[in-house]
Amino acid sequence: MLDALMDQPSERIIDQRIRNRIMEAVHTLAEGDEGVRRIWPTEYFEEFYDWIPHRDDGGMRPNSAVTEEERQVLSEVSRLLDDACDATPGNMDADEFIATGWPTRIQPVAQHALTIMTQRGRFSENSEEAEPSSQQLWP
């Protein structure tokens, strides 16, 4: 029983992991057209929505590892991505989605959010931290 409890990550570690995943999703959005080509339109949206749901699904949950400044820029990205999602059909290929111009409109906002988040770095996936300990952006 004690071993099972030790294997359960704390809420803080879960928040740190989620913040790291959000950074990865924002990185894809910051790549613009290349991000769409790399993972295709459905995953372009879903990679982000896995962590920050569409506004109709409740939006971003509280996260102790995300600063207020980060929350604000992520909200900007989220609003723009939601608008793109609402304005486009769900069955497009990469070139069709790119032709809408949405990835190009989302890219600078996502780049700004990624810059804000990478200034702090990445959190540990296994131990609680008050501030990120790694300047390495991707595992």
C-alpha atoms as a PDB file:
ATOM      1  CA  MET A   1       0.000   0.000   0.000  1.00  0.00           C
ATOM      2  CA  LEU A   2       2.799   2.444   0.854  1.00  0.00           C
ATOM      3  CA  ASP A   3       4.469   1.732  -2.510  1.00  0.00           C
ATOM      4  CA  ALA A   4       1.217   2.570  -4.304  1.00  0.00           C
ATOM      5  CA  LEU A   5       1.027   5.902  -2.471  1.00  0.00           C
ATOM      6  CA  MET A   6       4.637   6.685  -3.372  1.00  0.00           C
ATOM      7  CA  ASP A   7       3.868   6.089  -7.054  1.00  0.00           C
ATOM      8  CA  GLN A   8       1.062   8.663  -7.034  1.00  0.00           C
ATOM      9  CA  PRO A   9       2.354  12.061  -8.183  1.00  0.00           C
ATOM     10  CA  SER A  10       1.337  15.093  -6.148  1.00  0.00           C
ATOM     11  CA  GLU A  11      -1.056  17.693  -7.533  1.00  0.00           C
ATOM     12  CA  ARG A  12       1.929  20.018  -7.970  1.00  0.00           C
ATOM     13  CA  ILE A  13       3.854  17.484 -10.068  1.00  0.00           C
ATOM     14  CA  ILE A  14       0.752  16.923 -12.189  1.00  0.00           C
ATOM     15  CA  ASP A  15       0.481  20.704 -12.702  1.00  0.00           C
ATOM     16  CA  GLN A  16       4.172  20.872 -13.639  1.00  0.00           C
ATOM     17  CA  ARG A  17       3.731  18.075 -16.187  1.00  0.00           C
ATOM     18  CA  ILE A  18       0.646  19.744 -17.645  1.00  0.00           C
ATOM     19  CA  ARG A  19       2.510  23.044 -18.008  1.00  0.00           C
ATOM     20  CA  ASN A  20       5.288  21.199 -19.849  1.00  0.00           C
ATOM     21  CA  ARG A  21       2.712  19.617 -22.198  1.00  0.00           C
ATOM     22  CA  ILE A  22       1.101  23.019 -22.780  1.00  0.00           C
ATOM     23  CA  MET A  23       4.519  24.375 -23.785  1.00  0.00           C
ATOM     24  CA  GLU A  24       4.886  21.548 -26.304  1.00  0.00           C
ATOM     25  CA  ALA A  25       1.449  22.255 -27.779  1.00  0.00           C
ATOM     26  CA  VAL A  26       2.162  25.986 -27.997  1.00  0.00           C
ATOM     27  CA  HIS A  27       5.455  25.173 -29.717  1.00  0.00           C
ATOM     28  CA  THR A  28       3.509  23.399 -32.472  1.00  0.00           C
ATOM     29  CA  LEU A  29       1.229  26.427 -32.879  1.00  0.00           C
ATOM     30  CA  ALA A  30       4.287  28.707 -32.929  1.00  0.00           C
ATOM     31  CA  GLU A  31       5.620  26.749 -35.900  1.00  0.00           C
ATOM     32  CA  GLY A  32       2.710  28.017 -38.001  1.00  0.00           C
ATOM     33  CA  ASP A  33       2.269  26.208 -41.315  1.00  0.00           C
ATOM     34  CA  GLU A  34       5.106  23.809 -40.496  1.00  0.00           C
ATOM     35  CA  GLY A  35       3.363  22.736 -37.303  1.00  0.00           C
ATOM     36  CA  VAL A  36       0.206  21.975 -39.299  1.00  0.00           C
ATOM     37  CA  ARG A  37       2.177  19.972 -41.863  1.00  0.00           C
ATOM     38  CA  ARG A  38       3.984  18.040 -39.135  1.00  0.00           C
ATOM     39  CA  ILE A  39       0.900  16.869 -37.223  1.00  0.00           C
ATOM     40  CA  TRP A  40      -2.088  17.712 -39.504  1.00  0.00           C
ATOM     41  CA  PRO A  41      -5.045  19.947 -38.607  1.00  0.00           C
ATOM     42  CA  THR A  42      -6.956  17.702 -36.214  1.00  0.00           C
ATOM     43  CA  GLU A  43      -3.937  17.082 -33.994  1.00  0.00           C
ATOM     44  CA  TYR A  44      -2.904  20.766 -34.351  1.00  0.00           C
ATOM     45  CA  PHE A  45      -6.062  21.619 -32.407  1.00  0.00           C
ATOM     46  CA  GLU A  46      -6.286  18.551 -30.188  1.00  0.00           C
ATOM     47  CA  GLU A  47      -2.697  18.747 -28.900  1.00  0.00           C
ATOM     48  CA  PHE A  48      -3.616  22.112 -27.358  1.00  0.00           C
ATOM     49  CA  TYR A  49      -7.174  21.157 -26.391  1.00  0.00           C
ATOM     50  CA  ASP A  50      -5.887  18.168 -24.443  1.00  0.00           C
ATOM     51  CA  TRP A  51      -4.647  20.705 -21.863  1.00  0.00           C
ATOM     52  CA  ILE A  52      -6.662  23.860 -22.456  1.00  0.00           C
ATOM     53  CA  PRO A  53     -10.115  22.896 -23.694  1.00  0.00           C
ATOM     54  CA  HIS A  54     -12.171  24.860 -26.206  1.00  0.00           C
ATOM     55  CA  ARG A  55     -14.136  27.682 -24.565  1.00  0.00           C
ATOM     56  CA  ASP A  56     -17.346  25.664 -25.009  1.00  0.00           C
ATOM     57  CA  ASP A  57     -15.779  22.894 -22.922  1.00  0.00           C
ATOM     58  CA  GLY A  58     -14.787  25.062 -19.977  1.00  0.00           C
ATOM     59  CA  GLY A  59     -11.400  26.528 -20.857  1.00  0.00           C
ATOM     60  CA  MET A  60      -8.216  26.310 -18.814  1.00  0.00           C
ATOM     61  CA  ARG A  61      -8.352  24.728 -15.370  1.00  0.00           C
ATOM     62  CA  PRO A  62      -6.371  26.169 -12.455  1.00  0.00           C
ATOM     63  CA  ASN A  63      -2.694  25.211 -12.532  1.00  0.00           C
ATOM     64  CA  SER A  64      -0.256  26.092  -9.748  1.00  0.00           C
ATOM     65  CA  ALA A  65       2.725  25.901 -12.139  1.00  0.00           C
ATOM     66  CA  VAL A  66       1.373  28.563 -14.525  1.00  0.00           C
ATOM     67  CA  THR A  67       1.960  32.229 -13.655  1.00  0.00           C
ATOM     68  CA  GLU A  68      -0.695  34.886 -14.140  1.00  0.00           C
ATOM     69  CA  GLU A  69       1.283  36.317 -17.077  1.00  0.00           C
ATOM     70  CA  GLU A  70       1.462  32.870 -18.679  1.00  0.00           C
ATOM     71  CA  ARG A  71      -2.265  32.339 -18.089  1.00  0.00           C
ATOM     72  CA  GLN A  72      -3.006  35.647 -19.844  1.00  0.00           C
ATOM     73  CA  VAL A  73      -0.958  34.850 -22.948  1.00  0.00           C
ATOM     74  CA  LEU A  74      -2.324  31.304 -23.045  1.00  0.00           C
ATOM     75  CA  SER A  75      -5.840  32.754 -22.907  1.00  0.00           C
ATOM     76  CA  GLU A  76      -5.000  34.869 -25.967  1.00  0.00           C
ATOM     77  CA  VAL A  77      -3.776  31.780 -27.820  1.00  0.00           C
ATOM     78  CA  SER A  78      -6.828  29.838 -26.704  1.00  0.00           C
ATOM     79  CA  ARG A  79      -9.292  32.501 -27.921  1.00  0.00           C
ATOM     80  CA  LEU A  80      -7.632  32.651 -31.324  1.00  0.00           C
ATOM     81  CA  LEU A  81      -7.450  28.866 -31.650  1.00  0.00           C
ATOM     82  CA  ASP A  82     -11.124  28.582 -30.643  1.00  0.00           C
ATOM     83  CA  ASP A  83     -12.040  31.123 -33.335  1.00  0.00           C
ATOM     84  CA  ALA A  84     -10.064  29.116 -35.900  1.00  0.00           C
ATOM     85  CA  CYS A  85     -11.693  25.883 -34.793  1.00  0.00           C
ATOM     86  CA  ASP A  86     -15.174  27.397 -35.000  1.00  0.00           C
ATOM     87  CA  ALA A  87     -14.520  28.925 -38.438  1.00  0.00           C
ATOM     88  CA  THR A  88     -13.135  25.854 -40.195  1.00  0.00           C
ATOM     89  CA  PRO A  89     -14.501  22.415 -41.064  1.00  0.00           C
ATOM     90  CA  GLY A  90     -13.106  19.478 -39.139  1.00  0.00           C
ATOM     91  CA  ASN A  91     -12.118  17.383 -42.138  1.00  0.00           C
ATOM     92  CA  MET A  92      -9.453  19.486 -43.866  1.00  0.00           C
ATOM     93  CA  ASP A  93      -6.038  18.331 -44.925  1.00  0.00           C
ATOM     94  CA  ALA A  94      -2.962  20.372 -44.036  1.00  0.00           C
ATOM     95  CA  ASP A  95      -2.902  22.446 -47.239  1.00  0.00           C
ATOM     96  CA  GLU A  96      -6.595  23.301 -46.963  1.00  0.00           C
ATOM     97  CA  PHE A  97      -6.195  24.457 -43.377  1.00  0.00           C
ATOM     98  CA  ILE A  98      -3.058  26.444 -44.209  1.00  0.00           C
ATOM     99  CA  ALA A  99      -4.961  28.127 -47.061  1.00  0.00           C
ATOM    100  CA  THR A 100      -7.463  29.535 -44.530  1.00  0.00           C
ATOM    101  CA  GLY A 101      -4.663  31.691 -43.111  1.00  0.00           C
ATOM    102  CA  TRP A 102      -5.418  30.652 -39.535  1.00  0.00           C
ATOM    103  CA  PRO A 103      -2.010  29.085 -38.775  1.00  0.00           C
ATOM    104  CA  THR A 104      -0.318  32.316 -39.885  1.00  0.00           C
ATOM    105  CA  ARG A 105      -2.639  34.389 -37.645  1.00  0.00           C
ATOM    106  CA  ILE A 106      -2.128  32.095 -34.668  1.00  0.00           C
ATOM    107  CA  GLN A 107       1.654  31.808 -35.072  1.00  0.00           C
ATOM    108  CA  PRO A 108       2.799  35.216 -33.691  1.00  0.00           C
ATOM    109  CA  VAL A 109       0.485  34.992 -30.674  1.00  0.00           C
ATOM    110  CA  ALA A 110       1.724  31.451 -29.966  1.00  0.00           C
ATOM    111  CA  GLN A 111       5.342  32.545 -30.444  1.00  0.00           C
ATOM    112  CA  HIS A 112       4.821  35.296 -27.869  1.00  0.00           C
ATOM    113  CA  ALA A 113       3.273  32.828 -25.407  1.00  0.00           C
ATOM    114  CA  LEU A 114       6.108  30.361 -25.977  1.00  0.00           C
ATOM    115  CA  THR A 115       8.670  33.106 -25.368  1.00  0.00           C
ATOM    116  CA  ILE A 116       7.015  34.019 -22.056  1.00  0.00           C
ATOM    117  CA  MET A 117       6.921  30.363 -20.980  1.00  0.00           C
ATOM    118  CA  THR A 118      10.450  29.494 -22.092  1.00  0.00           C
ATOM    119  CA  GLN A 119      11.866  32.419 -20.136  1.00  0.00           C
ATOM    120  CA  ARG A 120      11.074  30.352 -17.046  1.00  0.00           C
ATOM    121  CA  GLY A 121      11.972  26.987 -18.580  1.00  0.00           C
ATOM    122  CA  ARG A 122      10.552  23.514 -17.992  1.00  0.00           C
ATOM    123  CA  PHE A 123       9.603  21.957 -14.701  1.00  0.00           C
ATOM    124  CA  SER A 124      10.783  18.606 -13.442  1.00  0.00           C
ATOM    125  CA  GLU A 125       8.438  15.777 -14.301  1.00  0.00           C
ATOM    126  CA  ASN A 126       9.251  13.922 -11.067  1.00  0.00           C
ATOM    127  CA  SER A 127       9.902  16.336  -8.223  1.00  0.00           C
ATOM    128  CA  GLU A 128       8.081  19.398  -6.965  1.00  0.00           C
ATOM    129  CA  GLU A 129       9.693  22.724  -7.796  1.00  0.00           C
ATOM    130  CA  ALA A 130       8.813  26.307  -6.956  1.00  0.00           C
ATOM    131  CA  GLU A 131      10.349  27.408 -10.269  1.00  0.00           C
ATOM    132  CA  PRO A 132      11.428  25.427 -13.349  1.00  0.00           C
ATOM    133  CA  SER A 133      14.869  23.913 -13.037  1.00  0.00           C
ATOM    134  CA  SER A 134      15.559  23.118 -16.670  1.00  0.00           C
ATOM    135  CA  GLN A 135      16.393  25.487 -19.466  1.00  0.00           C
ATOM    136  CA  GLN A 136      16.182  22.515 -21.817  1.00  0.00           C
ATOM    137  CA  LEU A 137      12.907  23.096 -23.634  1.00  0.00           C
ATOM    138  CA  TRP A 138      12.199  19.552 -24.816  1.00  0.00           C
ATOM    139  CA  PRO A 139      13.023  16.250 -23.194  1.00  0.00           C
END
